[in-house]
N, C-alpha and C. Protein backbone atom coordinates (compact mmCIF):
# COMPACT_ATOMS: atom_id res chain seq x y z
N MET A 1 97.15 202.10 45.71
CA MET A 1 97.14 201.08 46.73
C MET A 1 95.84 200.29 46.60
N PRO A 2 95.92 198.97 46.65
CA PRO A 2 94.71 198.16 46.53
C PRO A 2 93.75 198.44 47.69
N ALA A 3 92.46 198.36 47.39
CA ALA A 3 91.43 198.65 48.39
C ALA A 3 91.52 197.68 49.58
N ALA A 4 91.86 196.44 49.34
CA ALA A 4 91.96 195.45 50.42
C ALA A 4 93.07 195.82 51.40
N VAL A 5 94.18 196.34 50.88
CA VAL A 5 95.30 196.74 51.73
C VAL A 5 94.90 197.95 52.58
N ALA A 6 94.23 198.92 51.96
CA ALA A 6 93.78 200.10 52.70
C ALA A 6 92.77 199.72 53.79
N LYS A 7 91.85 198.81 53.46
CA LYS A 7 90.84 198.37 54.42
C LYS A 7 91.53 197.66 55.60
N HIS A 8 92.50 196.82 55.30
CA HIS A 8 93.23 196.11 56.36
C HIS A 8 93.99 197.11 57.23
N ALA A 9 94.59 198.11 56.63
CA ALA A 9 95.34 199.13 57.37
C ALA A 9 94.40 199.91 58.30
N ARG A 10 93.22 200.29 57.80
CA ARG A 10 92.25 201.01 58.63
C ARG A 10 91.80 200.15 59.82
N HIS A 11 91.53 198.88 59.53
CA HIS A 11 91.10 197.96 60.58
C HIS A 11 92.20 197.81 61.65
N THR A 12 93.43 197.66 61.23
CA THR A 12 94.56 197.53 62.15
C THR A 12 94.74 198.80 62.98
N LEU A 13 94.61 199.95 62.35
CA LEU A 13 94.74 201.23 63.05
C LEU A 13 93.65 201.38 64.10
N GLU A 14 92.42 201.04 63.77
CA GLU A 14 91.33 201.13 64.73
C GLU A 14 91.55 200.20 65.91
N ALA A 15 92.03 199.00 65.65
CA ALA A 15 92.30 198.04 66.73
C ALA A 15 93.39 198.58 67.66
N GLN A 16 94.41 199.19 67.11
CA GLN A 16 95.48 199.76 67.92
C GLN A 16 94.99 200.95 68.73
N LYS A 17 94.13 201.77 68.15
CA LYS A 17 93.57 202.91 68.88
C LYS A 17 92.75 202.43 70.08
N GLN A 18 92.00 201.36 69.90
CA GLN A 18 91.19 200.82 70.99
C GLN A 18 92.08 200.26 72.10
N GLN A 19 93.18 199.64 71.73
CA GLN A 19 94.09 199.10 72.73
C GLN A 19 94.73 200.22 73.53
N VAL A 20 95.08 201.30 72.89
CA VAL A 20 95.72 202.43 73.56
C VAL A 20 94.74 203.11 74.51
N SER A 21 93.48 203.18 74.12
CA SER A 21 92.49 203.87 74.95
C SER A 21 92.11 203.06 76.19
N GLN A 22 92.34 201.76 76.17
CA GLN A 22 92.03 200.93 77.33
C GLN A 22 93.25 200.85 78.23
N PRO A 23 93.10 201.23 79.51
CA PRO A 23 94.25 201.17 80.40
C PRO A 23 94.67 199.71 80.65
N LEU A 24 95.94 199.50 80.67
CA LEU A 24 96.46 198.16 80.93
C LEU A 24 96.63 198.00 82.43
N SER A 25 96.23 196.85 82.94
CA SER A 25 96.45 196.60 84.36
C SER A 25 97.88 196.09 84.53
N GLN A 26 98.51 196.59 85.57
CA GLN A 26 99.89 196.22 85.82
C GLN A 26 100.01 195.74 87.25
N VAL A 27 100.78 194.71 87.46
CA VAL A 27 100.99 194.18 88.79
C VAL A 27 101.83 195.16 89.59
N ASP A 28 101.39 195.47 90.79
CA ASP A 28 102.13 196.39 91.65
C ASP A 28 103.17 195.58 92.43
N LEU A 29 104.43 195.81 92.14
CA LEU A 29 105.50 195.06 92.77
C LEU A 29 105.77 195.51 94.20
N PHE A 30 105.18 196.63 94.61
CA PHE A 30 105.49 197.19 95.92
C PHE A 30 104.35 197.03 96.92
N THR A 31 103.36 196.21 96.61
CA THR A 31 102.29 195.98 97.57
C THR A 31 102.80 195.05 98.66
N ASN A 32 102.16 195.13 99.81
CA ASN A 32 102.55 194.26 100.93
C ASN A 32 102.10 192.84 100.64
N LEU A 33 102.92 191.90 101.08
CA LEU A 33 102.58 190.49 100.92
C LEU A 33 101.56 190.10 101.97
N PRO A 34 100.73 189.11 101.70
CA PRO A 34 99.81 188.63 102.72
C PRO A 34 100.59 188.12 103.94
N ALA A 35 99.96 188.15 105.09
CA ALA A 35 100.64 187.78 106.34
C ALA A 35 101.18 186.35 106.31
N THR A 36 100.48 185.42 105.68
CA THR A 36 100.95 184.03 105.66
C THR A 36 102.26 183.91 104.89
N ASP A 37 102.41 184.67 103.80
CA ASP A 37 103.66 184.64 103.05
C ASP A 37 104.78 185.26 103.86
N SER A 38 104.48 186.29 104.63
CA SER A 38 105.50 186.96 105.44
C SER A 38 106.04 186.03 106.51
N VAL A 39 105.17 185.22 107.10
CA VAL A 39 105.61 184.29 108.14
C VAL A 39 106.55 183.26 107.54
N ALA A 40 106.18 182.69 106.40
CA ALA A 40 107.03 181.69 105.76
C ALA A 40 108.35 182.32 105.35
N PHE A 41 108.30 183.53 104.83
CA PHE A 41 109.52 184.20 104.42
C PHE A 41 110.39 184.48 105.64
N GLY A 42 109.79 184.86 106.76
CA GLY A 42 110.54 185.13 107.98
C GLY A 42 111.32 183.92 108.45
N GLU A 43 110.72 182.75 108.37
CA GLU A 43 111.38 181.51 108.77
C GLU A 43 112.57 181.22 107.86
N VAL A 44 112.39 181.39 106.59
CA VAL A 44 113.47 181.14 105.63
C VAL A 44 114.58 182.18 105.83
N GLU A 45 114.18 183.42 106.05
CA GLU A 45 115.17 184.47 106.26
C GLU A 45 116.00 184.19 107.51
N THR A 46 115.36 183.78 108.59
CA THR A 46 116.09 183.44 109.82
C THR A 46 117.05 182.30 109.57
N TRP A 47 116.59 181.29 108.86
CA TRP A 47 117.44 180.14 108.53
C TRP A 47 118.63 180.58 107.68
N ALA A 48 118.39 181.43 106.68
CA ALA A 48 119.46 181.85 105.77
C ALA A 48 120.48 182.73 106.49
N ARG A 49 120.03 183.56 107.40
CA ARG A 49 120.96 184.43 108.13
C ARG A 49 121.89 183.62 109.03
N ALA A 50 121.45 182.46 109.46
CA ALA A 50 122.27 181.61 110.33
C ALA A 50 123.38 180.90 109.55
N LEU A 51 123.28 180.86 108.24
CA LEU A 51 124.30 180.19 107.43
C LEU A 51 125.56 181.04 107.34
N ASN A 52 126.69 180.38 107.29
CA ASN A 52 127.96 181.07 107.07
C ASN A 52 128.67 180.38 105.90
N PRO A 53 128.40 180.80 104.68
CA PRO A 53 128.93 180.09 103.51
C PRO A 53 130.45 180.12 103.42
N ASP A 54 131.10 181.06 104.08
CA ASP A 54 132.56 181.10 104.03
C ASP A 54 133.19 179.89 104.72
N GLU A 55 132.44 179.24 105.58
CA GLU A 55 132.96 178.08 106.30
C GLU A 55 132.62 176.75 105.62
N PHE A 56 131.89 176.79 104.52
CA PHE A 56 131.45 175.57 103.85
C PHE A 56 132.51 175.04 102.90
N SER A 57 132.63 173.72 102.87
CA SER A 57 133.36 173.09 101.77
C SER A 57 132.40 173.04 100.59
N PRO A 58 132.90 172.76 99.40
CA PRO A 58 131.97 172.67 98.26
C PRO A 58 130.84 171.67 98.50
N ARG A 59 131.16 170.55 99.10
CA ARG A 59 130.12 169.54 99.37
C ARG A 59 129.14 170.03 100.42
N GLU A 60 129.63 170.68 101.46
CA GLU A 60 128.75 171.21 102.51
C GLU A 60 127.85 172.33 101.98
N ALA A 61 128.29 173.03 100.96
CA ALA A 61 127.50 174.13 100.39
C ALA A 61 126.23 173.60 99.73
N LEU A 62 126.24 172.36 99.31
CA LEU A 62 125.05 171.79 98.68
C LEU A 62 123.95 171.49 99.68
N GLN A 63 124.31 171.21 100.91
CA GLN A 63 123.31 170.83 101.91
C GLN A 63 122.24 171.89 102.13
N PRO A 64 122.61 173.18 102.31
CA PRO A 64 121.54 174.19 102.46
C PRO A 64 120.64 174.30 101.23
N LEU A 65 121.19 174.04 100.05
CA LEU A 65 120.35 174.08 98.85
C LEU A 65 119.31 172.96 98.88
N TYR A 66 119.72 171.78 99.33
CA TYR A 66 118.76 170.68 99.45
C TYR A 66 117.72 170.98 100.53
N GLN A 67 118.15 171.63 101.61
CA GLN A 67 117.19 172.00 102.67
C GLN A 67 116.18 173.02 102.14
N LEU A 68 116.67 173.98 101.39
CA LEU A 68 115.78 174.99 100.81
C LEU A 68 114.80 174.36 99.83
N LYS A 69 115.27 173.44 99.04
CA LYS A 69 114.40 172.71 98.11
C LYS A 69 113.32 171.96 98.87
N LYS A 70 113.70 171.32 99.98
CA LYS A 70 112.74 170.58 100.79
C LYS A 70 111.68 171.52 101.37
N LEU A 71 112.11 172.71 101.83
CA LEU A 71 111.16 173.70 102.34
C LEU A 71 110.19 174.17 101.24
N SER A 72 110.71 174.39 100.05
CA SER A 72 109.85 174.88 98.97
C SER A 72 108.85 173.82 98.53
N ASP A 73 109.21 172.56 98.66
CA ASP A 73 108.27 171.48 98.31
C ASP A 73 107.12 171.39 99.31
N GLN A 74 107.36 171.83 100.54
CA GLN A 74 106.33 171.76 101.57
C GLN A 74 105.29 172.87 101.43
N VAL A 75 105.65 173.95 100.74
CA VAL A 75 104.74 175.10 100.61
C VAL A 75 103.71 174.87 99.57
């Protein structure tokens, strides 16, 4: 095996060992949301629970989507 290939392999192995030894930070999906986000979510949740999609015509079904888009643009 050529010396350059062996040197590259050793270098790559050392880099991988260092990556493994360093703990990776991971986002905790189960942490509580900040209070401001909870309030905004509560308003949207209340609005969504009031909808009855079984009573919508196809055209009427688009209206809540536009309302939701408008709310998201305000945030």
